[in-house]
Protein backbone atom coordinates (compact mmCIF):
# COMPACT_ATOMS: atom_id res chain seq x y z
CA UNK A 1 -17.99 -16.42 21.90
CA UNK A 2 -16.14 -13.14 22.44
CA UNK A 3 -17.82 -10.91 25.14
CA UNK A 4 -18.78 -11.06 28.76
CA UNK A 5 -21.51 -8.40 28.24
CA UNK A 6 -25.06 -9.35 29.13
CA UNK A 7 -27.02 -6.91 26.95
CA UNK A 8 -27.88 -8.01 23.47
CA UNK A 9 -25.62 -6.53 20.84
CA UNK A 10 -26.20 -5.61 17.05
CA UNK A 11 -24.81 -6.36 13.70
CA UNK A 12 -23.74 -3.68 11.08
CA UNK A 13 -23.39 -4.92 7.54
CA UNK A 14 -20.56 -2.99 5.84
CA UNK A 15 -19.85 -2.76 2.16
CA UNK A 16 -15.99 -2.65 1.88
CA UNK A 17 -16.21 -1.80 -2.03
CA UNK A 18 -14.62 -3.59 -4.95
CA UNK A 19 -11.04 -3.66 -3.94
CA UNK A 20 -9.56 -0.26 -3.41
CA UNK A 21 -9.47 0.43 0.27
CA UNK A 22 -9.73 4.18 -0.28
CA UNK A 23 -13.37 3.62 -1.41
CA UNK A 24 -14.25 2.71 2.17
CA UNK A 25 -16.99 5.10 3.33
CA UNK A 26 -16.60 7.32 6.40
CA UNK A 27 -19.44 5.75 8.12
CA UNK A 28 -17.94 2.31 7.49
CA UNK A 29 -14.55 3.28 8.89
CA UNK A 30 -16.31 4.66 12.06
CA UNK A 31 -18.17 1.43 12.68
CA UNK A 32 -15.11 -0.84 12.04
CA UNK A 33 -13.08 1.25 14.56
CA UNK A 34 -15.84 1.12 17.19
CA UNK A 35 -16.82 -2.56 16.84
CA UNK A 36 -16.05 -5.29 19.58
CA UNK A 37 -15.96 -8.06 16.85
CA UNK A 38 -15.00 -7.46 13.36
CA UNK A 39 -16.09 -10.43 10.87
CA UNK A 40 -14.66 -9.92 7.52
CA UNK A 41 -14.53 -11.66 4.15
CA UNK A 42 -11.08 -13.10 3.60
CA UNK A 43 -9.20 -11.43 0.93
CA UNK A 44 -10.17 -7.89 1.83
CA UNK A 45 -7.46 -5.36 1.76
CA UNK A 46 -5.34 -5.36 4.97
CA UNK A 47 -5.77 -1.59 5.33
CA UNK A 48 -9.49 -1.99 5.81
CA UNK A 49 -9.19 -4.57 8.58
CA UNK A 50 -6.37 -2.43 10.32
CA UNK A 51 -8.91 0.06 11.14
CA UNK A 52 -10.31 -2.21 13.93
CA UNK A 53 -9.40 -1.08 17.44
CA UNK A 54 -6.71 -3.16 19.29
CA UNK A 55 -9.20 -4.77 21.57
CA UNK A 56 -11.56 -5.93 18.92
CA UNK A 57 -11.68 -9.65 17.94
CA UNK A 58 -11.11 -10.37 14.33
CA UNK A 59 -12.78 -13.29 12.67
CA UNK A 60 -12.26 -14.15 8.90
CA UNK A 61 -14.82 -15.83 6.71
CA UNK A 62 -13.41 -18.26 4.33
CA UNK A 63 -14.22 -21.70 2.91
CA UNK A 64 -10.67 -22.45 2.53
CA UNK A 65 -9.63 -22.94 6.12
CA UNK A 66 -7.14 -21.12 8.23
CA UNK A 67 -5.12 -18.31 6.78
CA UNK A 68 -1.47 -19.17 6.33
CA UNK A 69 0.76 -17.10 8.64
CA UNK A 70 -2.24 -15.72 10.76
CA UNK A 71 -3.67 -16.61 14.09
CA UNK A 72 -7.09 -15.08 13.09
CA UNK A 73 -9.97 -17.35 13.80
CA UNK A 74 -11.53 -18.48 10.50
CA UNK A 75 -15.25 -19.54 10.14
CA UNK A 76 -17.26 -20.54 7.03
CA UNK A 77 -20.44 -18.99 8.01
CA UNK A 78 -20.21 -15.28 8.63
CA UNK A 79 -23.89 -14.75 9.49
CA UNK A 80 -23.83 -17.46 12.14
CA UNK A 81 -20.62 -16.04 13.74
CA UNK A 82 -22.23 -12.60 13.73
CA UNK A 83 -25.36 -13.93 15.50
CA UNK A 84 -23.24 -15.73 18.14
CA UNK A 85 -21.24 -12.69 18.86
CA UNK A 86 -24.23 -10.31 19.05
CA UNK A 87 -26.17 -12.40 21.25
CA UNK A 88 -23.21 -12.42 23.62
CA UNK A 89 -23.54 -8.52 23.79
CA UNK A 90 -21.06 -7.61 21.08
CA UNK A 91 -21.36 -4.69 18.66
CA UNK A 92 -20.43 -6.67 15.45
CA UNK A 93 -19.12 -5.19 12.17
CA UNK A 94 -19.65 -7.70 9.40
CA UNK A 95 -17.49 -6.44 6.55
CA UNK A 96 -18.47 -7.77 3.13
CA UNK A 97 -16.71 -7.49 -0.29
CA UNK A 98 -18.32 -4.98 -2.65
CA UNK A 99 -21.91 -3.51 -1.63
CA UNK A 100 -24.17 -5.90 0.47
CA UNK A 101 -27.26 -4.37 -1.22
CA UNK A 102 -26.39 -4.96 -4.92
CA UNK A 103 -24.20 -7.96 -4.38
CA UNK A 104 -26.98 -9.84 -2.63
CA UNK A 105 -25.15 -10.54 0.69
CA UNK A 106 -27.61 -8.54 2.76
CA UNK A 107 -30.49 -10.76 1.38
CA UNK A 108 -28.75 -13.94 2.42
CA UNK A 109 -26.96 -12.91 5.72
CA UNK A 110 -29.34 -10.27 6.83
CA UNK A 111 -32.11 -12.78 6.81
CA UNK A 112 -30.16 -14.95 9.26
CA UNK A 113 -29.46 -12.09 11.60
CA UNK A 114 -33.07 -10.58 11.71
CA UNK A 115 -34.47 -14.18 12.27
CA UNK A 116 -32.37 -14.04 15.51
CA UNK A 117 -34.29 -10.84 16.44
CA UNK A 118 -31.16 -8.85 16.56
CA UNK A 119 -30.91 -5.15 15.61
CA UNK A 120 -29.13 -4.44 12.32
CA UNK A 121 -27.67 -1.39 10.36
CA UNK A 122 -26.53 -1.30 6.75
CA UNK A 123 -23.73 0.80 5.55
CA UNK A 124 -23.69 0.68 1.71
CA UNK A 125 -20.34 0.28 -0.16
CA UNK A 126 -19.25 1.13 -3.65
CA UNK A 127 -20.81 -1.51 -5.78
CA UNK A 128 -18.59 -3.49 -8.17
CA UNK A 129 -21.13 -2.83 -10.97
CA UNK A 130 -20.49 0.99 -10.85
CA UNK A 131 -17.10 1.05 -9.06
CA UNK A 132 -15.18 -1.06 -11.54
CA UNK A 133 -16.52 0.75 -14.75
CA UNK A 134 -15.42 3.96 -13.07
CA UNK A 135 -11.89 2.76 -12.75
CA UNK A 136 -12.00 1.37 -16.29
CA UNK A 137 -13.07 4.98 -17.57
CA UNK A 138 -16.50 3.90 -18.72
CA UNK A 139 -19.51 6.38 -18.12
CA UNK A 140 -22.36 3.95 -18.06
CA UNK A 141 -25.03 6.72 -18.53
CA UNK A 142 -24.65 9.62 -20.76
CA UNK A 143 -23.87 10.16 -24.45
CA UNK A 144 -25.95 8.14 -26.81
CA UNK A 145 -26.91 5.39 -24.45
CA UNK A 146 -29.13 5.59 -21.25
CA UNK A 147 -30.11 1.97 -21.38
CA UNK A 148 -27.95 -0.07 -19.13
CA UNK A 149 -28.68 -3.55 -18.22
CA UNK A 150 -26.85 -5.26 -15.40
CA UNK A 151 -26.89 -9.10 -15.61
CA UNK A 152 -25.84 -11.27 -12.77
CA UNK A 153 -26.74 -14.48 -14.42
CA UNK A 154 -26.05 -15.54 -18.04
CA UNK A 155 -27.35 -18.96 -17.85
CA UNK A 156 -30.99 -18.02 -18.68
CA UNK A 157 -30.54 -14.73 -20.26
CA UNK A 158 -32.73 -13.78 -23.31
CA UNK A 159 -30.10 -12.36 -25.46
CA UNK A 160 -32.56 -10.82 -27.99
CA UNK A 161 -33.60 -8.49 -25.34
CA UNK A 162 -30.08 -7.25 -24.87
CA UNK A 163 -29.32 -6.22 -28.58
CA UNK A 164 -29.31 -2.54 -28.03
CA UNK A 165 -28.60 -2.04 -24.34
CA UNK A 166 -25.22 -1.50 -22.73
CA UNK A 167 -24.57 -4.46 -20.65
CA UNK A 168 -22.62 -4.88 -17.40
CA UNK A 169 -22.15 -8.48 -16.46
CA UNK A 170 -21.18 -9.39 -13.01
CA UNK A 171 -20.95 -12.53 -10.74
CA UNK A 172 -21.32 -15.04 -13.76
CA UNK A 173 -17.95 -14.51 -15.53
CA UNK A 174 -15.65 -16.91 -13.87
CA UNK A 175 -14.15 -18.46 -16.87
CA UNK A 176 -13.48 -17.78 -20.63
CA UNK A 177 -16.09 -20.43 -21.55
CA UNK A 178 -18.81 -18.40 -19.65
CA UNK A 179 -17.80 -15.26 -21.27
CA UNK A 180 -17.66 -16.95 -24.63
CA UNK A 181 -21.17 -18.24 -24.07
CA UNK A 182 -22.47 -14.70 -23.48
CA UNK A 183 -20.65 -13.43 -26.66
CA UNK A 184 -21.97 -16.25 -28.70
CA UNK A 185 -25.63 -15.53 -27.43
CA UNK A 186 -25.48 -11.97 -28.27
CA UNK A 187 -24.08 -12.67 -31.74
CA UNK A 188 -26.67 -15.18 -32.42
CA UNK A 189 -29.36 -12.76 -31.19
CA UNK A 190 -28.24 -10.25 -33.88
CA UNK A 191 -25.87 -8.00 -32.01
CA UNK A 192 -23.50 -6.02 -34.16
CA UNK A 193 -20.11 -7.86 -34.23
CA UNK A 194 -18.40 -4.54 -33.95
CA UNK A 195 -19.88 -3.82 -30.69
CA UNK A 196 -17.02 -3.12 -28.12
CA UNK A 197 -16.46 -5.46 -25.20
CA UNK A 198 -14.18 -5.25 -22.20
CA UNK A 199 -13.11 -7.71 -19.58
CA UNK A 200 -11.77 -6.34 -16.25
CA UNK A 201 -10.22 -8.30 -13.36
CA UNK A 202 -9.10 -7.25 -9.99
CA UNK A 203 -10.85 -3.86 -10.59
CA UNK A 204 -10.09 -0.69 -8.63
CA UNK A 205 -6.75 -2.21 -7.36
CA UNK A 206 -3.24 -1.50 -8.59
CA UNK A 207 -3.44 -5.01 -10.08
CA UNK A 208 -6.35 -4.09 -12.34
CA UNK A 209 -6.13 -5.49 -15.94
CA UNK A 210 -8.47 -4.94 -18.92
CA UNK A 211 -8.72 -6.59 -22.33
CA UNK A 212 -10.59 -4.62 -24.89
CA UNK A 213 -11.98 -5.78 -28.32
CA UNK A 214 -15.20 -6.55 -30.23
CA UNK A 215 -17.68 -9.21 -30.06
CA UNK A 216 -16.73 -10.24 -33.59
CA UNK A 217 -13.08 -10.70 -32.75
CA UNK A 218 -13.67 -12.24 -29.26
CA UNK A 219 -11.95 -15.60 -30.46
CA UNK A 220 -8.73 -13.43 -31.23
CA UNK A 221 -8.80 -12.17 -27.76
CA UNK A 222 -7.91 -15.41 -26.29
CA UNK A 223 -4.22 -14.51 -25.35
CA UNK A 224 -5.09 -11.23 -23.92
CA UNK A 225 -7.89 -12.72 -21.85
CA UNK A 226 -5.63 -15.54 -20.62
CA UNK A 227 -2.99 -13.03 -19.71
CA UNK A 228 -5.65 -11.58 -17.22
CA UNK A 229 -5.22 -14.55 -15.01
CA UNK A 230 -7.93 -15.50 -12.61
CA UNK A 231 -11.39 -14.51 -13.93
CA UNK A 232 -13.42 -15.14 -10.93
CA UNK A 233 -14.15 -11.47 -10.25
CA UNK A 234 -14.40 -10.44 -13.93
CA UNK A 235 -16.58 -7.51 -14.89
CA UNK A 236 -17.73 -7.57 -18.62
CA UNK A 237 -19.02 -4.45 -20.32
CA UNK A 238 -20.56 -4.57 -23.76
CA UNK A 239 -21.67 -1.63 -25.82
CA UNK A 240 -20.92 1.83 -27.26
CA UNK A 241 -20.41 3.21 -23.65
CA UNK A 242 -16.94 1.82 -23.93
CA UNK A 243 -16.08 4.76 -26.28
CA UNK A 244 -15.90 6.92 -23.23
CA UNK A 245 -12.87 4.92 -22.18
CA UNK A 246 -10.63 6.92 -24.49
CA UNK A 247 -11.49 10.08 -22.57
CA UNK A 248 -12.03 8.89 -19.02
CA UNK A 249 -9.32 6.20 -18.52
CA UNK A 250 -7.81 7.86 -15.48
CA UNK A 251 -6.76 4.84 -13.48
CA UNK A 252 -4.85 2.61 -15.79
CA UNK A 253 -3.10 5.63 -17.35
CA UNK A 254 -1.36 6.59 -14.04
CA UNK A 255 2.26 7.22 -14.41
CA UNK A 256 3.42 3.87 -12.57
CA UNK A 257 0.26 1.95 -13.34
CA UNK A 258 1.04 -1.71 -13.06
CA UNK A 259 4.77 -1.31 -12.20
CA UNK A 260 6.08 -3.84 -9.82
CA UNK A 261 8.32 -1.82 -7.62
CA UNK A 262 10.61 -3.52 -5.00
CA UNK A 263 10.89 -1.51 -1.76
CA UNK A 264 13.85 -2.72 0.37
CA UNK A 265 13.12 -1.09 3.80
CA UNK A 266 13.24 -1.65 7.42
CA UNK A 267 10.28 -3.74 8.65
CA UNK A 268 8.39 -0.90 10.35
CA UNK A 269 9.06 1.92 7.76
CA UNK A 270 8.07 0.29 4.41
CA UNK A 271 4.42 1.39 4.60
CA UNK A 272 4.88 5.08 4.01
CA UNK A 273 6.70 4.67 0.74
CA UNK A 274 4.39 1.90 -0.36
CA UNK A 275 1.33 4.23 0.08
CA UNK A 276 3.13 6.85 -2.09
CA UNK A 277 3.80 4.41 -4.90
CA UNK A 278 0.15 2.94 -4.77
CA UNK A 279 -1.07 6.50 -5.39
CA UNK A 280 0.83 6.58 -8.72
CA UNK A 281 -0.65 3.23 -9.68
CA UNK A 282 2.30 0.95 -8.74
CA UNK A 283 2.36 -2.43 -7.01
CA UNK A 284 4.90 -2.15 -4.15
CA UNK A 285 6.58 -5.37 -3.06
CA UNK A 286 8.07 -4.72 0.31
CA UNK A 287 11.29 -6.79 1.14
CA UNK A 288 12.64 -6.16 4.68
CA UNK A 289 16.41 -5.80 4.32
CA UNK A 290 17.09 -4.42 7.85
CA UNK A 291 15.75 -5.27 11.21
CA UNK A 292 16.07 -2.64 14.00
CA UNK A 293 17.08 -4.09 17.33
CA UNK A 294 17.91 -2.63 20.72
CA UNK A 295 21.53 -2.15 21.57
CA UNK A 296 23.50 -5.19 22.98
CA UNK A 297 24.21 -3.22 26.13
CA UNK A 298 21.51 -0.88 27.35
CA UNK A 299 23.79 0.87 30.00
CA UNK A 300 24.68 3.75 27.61
CA UNK A 301 21.08 4.73 26.92
CA UNK A 302 20.18 4.42 30.45
CA UNK A 303 22.85 6.91 31.50
CA UNK A 304 22.00 9.22 28.74
CA UNK A 305 18.31 9.33 29.66
CA UNK A 306 19.13 9.85 33.27
CA UNK A 307 21.49 12.70 32.09
CA UNK A 308 18.69 14.20 29.99
CA UNK A 309 16.36 14.28 32.89
CA UNK A 310 18.98 15.62 35.40
CA UNK A 311 19.98 18.55 33.00
CA UNK A 312 23.23 17.31 31.55
CA UNK A 313 22.30 18.36 27.98
CA UNK A 314 21.23 21.45 26.15
CA UNK A 315 20.51 19.77 22.76
CA UNK A 316 19.22 16.35 21.68
CA UNK A 317 19.80 15.71 17.93
CA UNK A 318 17.64 13.01 16.42
CA UNK A 319 18.77 11.65 13.00
CA UNK A 320 15.92 9.31 12.26
CA UNK A 321 12.51 8.10 13.26
CA UNK A 322 14.07 4.91 14.76
CA UNK A 323 16.17 7.14 17.14
CA UNK A 324 12.97 8.85 18.25
CA UNK A 325 11.32 5.47 18.71
CA UNK A 326 14.34 4.16 20.81
CA UNK A 327 14.36 7.13 23.18
CA UNK A 328 10.45 7.15 23.51
CA UNK A 329 10.56 3.40 24.43
CA UNK A 330 13.31 4.04 26.98
CA UNK A 331 11.16 6.88 28.47
CA UNK A 332 8.14 4.71 28.77
CA UNK A 333 10.20 2.13 30.42
CA UNK A 334 11.11 4.65 33.20
CA UNK A 335 7.47 6.06 33.21
CA UNK A 336 8.45 9.30 31.52
CA UNK A 337 6.83 11.16 28.72
CA UNK A 338 7.55 14.08 26.35
CA UNK A 339 7.49 16.52 29.35
CA UNK A 340 10.91 15.21 30.28
CA UNK A 341 12.31 17.15 27.35
CA UNK A 342 10.98 20.42 28.55
CA UNK A 343 13.64 23.08 28.30
CA UNK A 344 15.82 21.15 25.86
CA UNK A 345 16.47 22.27 22.39
CA UNK A 346 15.61 19.55 19.95
CA UNK A 347 17.07 18.99 16.38
CA UNK A 348 15.68 16.66 13.67
CA UNK A 349 16.88 15.55 10.34
CA UNK A 350 14.16 15.05 7.87
CA UNK A 351 10.48 15.36 7.77
CA UNK A 352 9.80 11.80 8.88
CA UNK A 353 12.02 12.25 11.88
CA UNK A 354 10.27 15.54 12.79
CA UNK A 355 6.78 13.89 12.31
CA UNK A 356 7.85 11.11 14.82
CA UNK A 357 8.80 13.78 17.36
CA UNK A 358 5.58 15.63 16.92
CA UNK A 359 3.57 12.26 17.41
CA UNK A 360 5.56 11.91 20.61
CA UNK A 361 4.61 15.39 21.73
CA UNK A 362 7.86 17.27 20.98
CA UNK A 363 8.29 19.97 18.42
CA UNK A 364 11.77 20.29 16.99
CA UNK A 365 13.59 23.68 17.34
CA UNK A 366 16.02 22.93 14.43
CA UNK A 367 15.23 21.16 11.07
CA UNK A 368 17.77 21.74 8.18
CA UNK A 369 16.66 24.45 5.89
CA UNK A 370 18.65 23.03 2.99
CA UNK A 371 19.89 19.50 2.50
CA UNK A 372 18.06 17.10 4.89
CA UNK A 373 21.18 15.27 6.04
CA UNK A 374 23.89 15.58 8.66
CA UNK A 375 25.71 18.04 6.48
CA UNK A 376 22.46 20.13 6.14
CA UNK A 377 21.88 20.07 9.78
CA UNK A 378 25.42 21.17 10.59
CA UNK A 379 25.21 24.07 8.13
CA UNK A 380 22.23 25.52 10.47
CA UNK A 381 23.64 24.37 13.87
CA UNK A 382 24.87 27.39 16.04
CA UNK A 383 28.43 27.68 17.21
CA UNK A 384 28.79 27.04 20.89
CA UNK A 385 28.99 30.30 22.74
CA UNK A 386 30.08 30.05 26.47
CA UNK A 387 28.25 33.25 27.37
CA UNK A 388 24.83 32.37 25.73
CA UNK A 389 24.96 28.64 26.15
CA UNK A 390 24.83 27.44 29.80
CA UNK A 391 25.62 23.82 28.81
CA UNK A 392 27.80 22.63 25.88
CA UNK A 393 26.71 18.99 25.65
CA UNK A 394 24.64 17.27 22.86
CA UNK A 395 22.88 13.93 23.19
CA UNK A 396 23.02 12.14 19.91
CA UNK A 397 21.06 8.79 19.96
CA UNK A 398 21.56 6.88 16.64
CA UNK A 399 22.21 3.69 14.93
CA UNK A 400 25.30 1.66 15.57
CA UNK A 401 26.56 1.91 11.95
CA UNK A 402 25.92 5.82 11.66
CA UNK A 403 28.78 7.83 10.11
CA UNK A 404 30.88 10.20 12.17
CA UNK A 405 29.94 13.27 10.11
CA UNK A 406 27.69 14.73 12.47
CA UNK A 407 29.81 14.05 15.58
CA UNK A 408 32.89 15.51 13.99
CA UNK A 409 30.94 18.66 12.64
CA UNK A 410 29.49 19.43 16.18
CA UNK A 411 32.85 18.92 17.81
CA UNK A 412 34.29 21.61 15.51
CA UNK A 413 31.49 23.98 16.34
CA UNK A 414 32.65 23.69 20.00
CA UNK A 415 30.10 21.20 21.39
CA UNK A 416 30.70 18.08 23.38
CA UNK A 417 28.84 15.13 21.96
CA UNK A 418 27.54 11.96 23.86
CA UNK A 419 27.31 9.74 20.79
CA UNK A 420 25.03 6.93 22.05
CA UNK A 421 23.99 3.66 20.31
CA UNK A 422 20.19 3.79 20.62
CA UNK A 423 19.55 0.85 18.24
CA UNK A 424 21.21 -1.73 15.99
CA UNK A 425 20.47 -2.40 12.41
CA UNK A 426 20.99 -6.03 11.44
CA UNK A 427 20.66 -7.63 7.98
CA UNK A 428 17.21 -9.39 7.62
CA UNK A 429 16.64 -12.92 6.37
CA UNK A 430 16.55 -13.44 2.51
CA UNK A 431 13.24 -12.93 0.85
CA UNK A 432 11.53 -16.19 -0.66
CA UNK A 433 13.19 -17.88 -3.61
CA UNK A 434 10.64 -16.55 -6.05
CA UNK A 435 11.29 -12.97 -5.12
CA UNK A 436 15.06 -13.43 -5.42
CA UNK A 437 14.54 -14.86 -8.95
CA UNK A 438 12.48 -11.88 -9.83
CA UNK A 439 15.01 -9.49 -8.70
CA UNK A 440 17.76 -11.22 -10.75
CA UNK A 441 15.73 -11.78 -13.87
CA UNK A 442 14.15 -8.48 -14.34
CA UNK A 443 10.85 -9.34 -12.91
CA UNK A 444 10.59 -5.94 -11.10
CA UNK A 445 9.99 -2.66 -13.05
CA UNK A 446 11.96 -0.52 -10.50
CA UNK A 447 13.66 -0.75 -7.03
CA UNK A 448 13.77 2.23 -4.74
CA UNK A 449 16.61 2.73 -2.28
CA UNK A 450 16.23 4.91 0.66
CA UNK A 451 19.67 4.49 2.22
CA UNK A 452 23.13 3.06 1.55
CA UNK A 453 22.39 0.22 3.97
CA UNK A 454 19.47 -0.95 2.04
CA UNK A 455 21.55 -1.06 -1.13
CA UNK A 456 24.13 -3.20 0.63
CA UNK A 457 21.70 -5.47 2.44
CA UNK A 458 19.46 -6.04 -0.54
CA UNK A 459 22.35 -7.25 -2.67
CA UNK A 460 23.57 -9.20 0.33
CA UNK A 461 20.43 -11.23 0.89
CA UNK A 462 19.02 -11.34 -2.64
CA UNK A 463 21.48 -10.41 -5.33
CA UNK A 464 21.96 -7.38 -7.73
CA UNK A 465 18.79 -6.27 -9.51
CA UNK A 466 18.70 -6.91 -13.31
CA UNK A 467 20.14 -4.35 -15.55
CA UNK A 468 16.73 -3.44 -17.02
CA UNK A 469 15.21 -2.60 -13.55
CA UNK A 470 15.01 1.12 -13.02
CA UNK A 471 16.96 2.22 -10.05
CA UNK A 472 15.85 5.14 -7.88
CA UNK A 473 17.73 6.58 -4.94
CA UNK A 474 16.88 8.91 -2.30
CA UNK A 475 20.02 11.02 -2.26
CA UNK A 476 23.56 11.38 -3.40
CA UNK A 477 25.09 9.09 -0.75
CA UNK A 478 22.78 6.25 -1.47
CA UNK A 479 23.31 6.77 -5.23
CA UNK A 480 27.13 6.54 -4.68
CA UNK A 481 26.79 3.28 -2.76
CA UNK A 482 24.57 2.02 -5.59
CA UNK A 483 27.10 2.93 -8.12
CA UNK A 484 29.90 1.30 -6.28
CA UNK A 485 27.92 -1.94 -6.39
CA UNK A 486 27.70 -1.82 -10.17
CA UNK A 487 23.96 -0.36 -10.38
CA UNK A 488 23.02 2.26 -12.89
CA UNK A 489 21.19 5.29 -11.47
CA UNK A 490 18.09 6.07 -13.28
CA UNK A 491 16.31 8.28 -10.68
CA UNK A 492 17.69 10.64 -8.03
CA UNK A 493 15.27 12.41 -5.81
CA UNK A 494 15.81 16.17 -5.89
CA UNK A 495 15.26 16.21 -2.20
CA UNK A 496 16.19 13.29 0.27
CA UNK A 497 12.68 12.64 1.41
CA UNK A 498 10.26 9.71 0.83
CA UNK A 499 7.71 12.04 -0.96
CA UNK A 500 10.30 13.36 -3.32
CA UNK A 501 11.64 9.87 -4.13
CA UNK A 502 8.23 8.73 -5.01
CA UNK A 503 7.37 11.71 -7.02
CA UNK A 504 10.73 11.42 -9.05
CA UNK A 505 9.99 7.89 -10.02
CA UNK A 506 6.46 8.88 -10.93
CA UNK A 507 7.72 11.41 -13.16
CA UNK A 508 10.18 9.01 -14.74
CA UNK A 509 7.45 6.47 -15.37
CA UNK A 510 5.34 9.15 -16.97
CA UNK A 511 8.09 10.18 -19.37
CA UNK A 512 8.83 6.47 -20.23
CA UNK A 513 5.29 6.01 -21.17
CA UNK A 514 5.17 9.17 -23.32
CA UNK A 515 8.36 8.12 -25.03
CA UNK A 516 6.91 4.69 -25.91
CA UNK A 517 3.78 6.23 -27.25
CA UNK A 518 5.55 8.76 -29.29
CA UNK A 519 7.75 5.90 -30.70
CA UNK A 520 4.66 3.81 -31.52
CA UNK A 521 5.32 1.17 -28.89
CA UNK A 522 2.56 -0.62 -26.95
CA UNK A 523 4.54 -1.45 -23.91
CA UNK A 524 6.61 0.89 -21.60
CA UNK A 525 6.99 -1.05 -18.41
CA UNK A 526 10.71 -2.19 -18.14
CA UNK A 527 9.77 -5.79 -17.27
CA UNK A 528 7.31 -6.01 -20.17
CA UNK A 529 9.82 -4.53 -22.67
CA UNK A 530 12.31 -7.19 -21.46
CA UNK A 531 9.84 -9.97 -21.84
CA UNK A 532 8.87 -8.57 -25.32
CA UNK A 533 12.37 -8.55 -26.37
CA UNK A 534 13.11 -12.09 -25.06
CA UNK A 535 10.11 -13.35 -27.12
CA UNK A 536 11.35 -11.49 -30.16
CA UNK A 537 14.86 -13.09 -29.83
CA UNK A 538 13.47 -16.55 -29.66
CA UNK A 539 11.36 -16.11 -32.64
């Protein structure tokens, strides 16, 4: 299927965990990275599959046919695909949702592989039955109850035997009717109507939702349960163990838990901010507003790179990671590497730009000690001294829409600047209609702006965010642009970095939650408060 090898390969069954890609084990990550073929259940987090090496063949397992927008091969039978690939000599990673041992997938697919006389390895994953309760804040063992029953089928359960035990019900809770059947069975068997019950969907992800009540009031939970959405992966917990949720609910109480945050970014830079927001419990929705493209005429960059190699410059000033990328690509085009910058002094604005340089193999000589901007860089840049400086020229690769602040400042310090367009920024295509509607009607809890251009371009392609949406800006210049476009600034990062911006929004969310709790309110997300207000006005 995939390999020209003649030796017989092997299959490693890997548990990917219940949803959070951070729960992948070290061994699982190693195997995925080393595999020739990665066969994975569709719907797994992209971050897990991204660990595969660039040469690996990817195969998705799904009964629903091809994945829209993807050229990945889709099969129905993962075990059969694994056998074919291994017999062709491939080292196969079969990546499964949850844990292959407790979820039963090893028993079914493993049998097929071993019948084919292929070597197997098993890498357990975090099981849903323990992982999801952990993210709900439930200590299954401890306190007054040490008797925990795990049920993977409710159709033939003897509920009389479940009167006292704490229950964790998995795999058989795909509808309200099935959960209702379990509740009715427990009550008829004599279970206390005051026994707590929780229902959790999409556990361990930032879209996790939990409805909590008692067995006796289950019928009154119809609306909260319906609001959970798809129940196909629901975990139901019954019993006094739920009392620990008040003490151990660490996940759903994160400062931005459940917040839908709009991230208007360049196509290749959205991931970093998204990761920061996810760490605070948010659901980032990335909308590309800018595409980075090569300059229309490459001659300027070609002359500058030639001058750089031939000793024309004393300094190179990088104002963005995109500028680093543009120079690096031009180097590679000419067969050059970081050694071509030996003897040059390198300046970088911001941590992300410095990190891009370090990745390239270049350590910056100058990073602003104060404000991470052109102004901050100029404050630290040395005056040209014709006795100490053998060359007075600076190479400045940057965007076509960059301001003149740095050029003017360097000129005043006595330097000659080759201001070169290294890349162009163009407005991206509008997002889908649903996203545009959410932006305009308050469907997003917050929007984070990382530059003035993201403000202008988002409004240009999608319209102005609703007044209830929290607006967070990375720095004063970005905030000024947002204000000029009629937006209220709620969050301003104390430092113009991605990390500072994400932290400032998290602190805002924490305070909003605390203020709502102090006021006796049950909702604190801006979009929820707006919906609650709309329902109240209609009634």
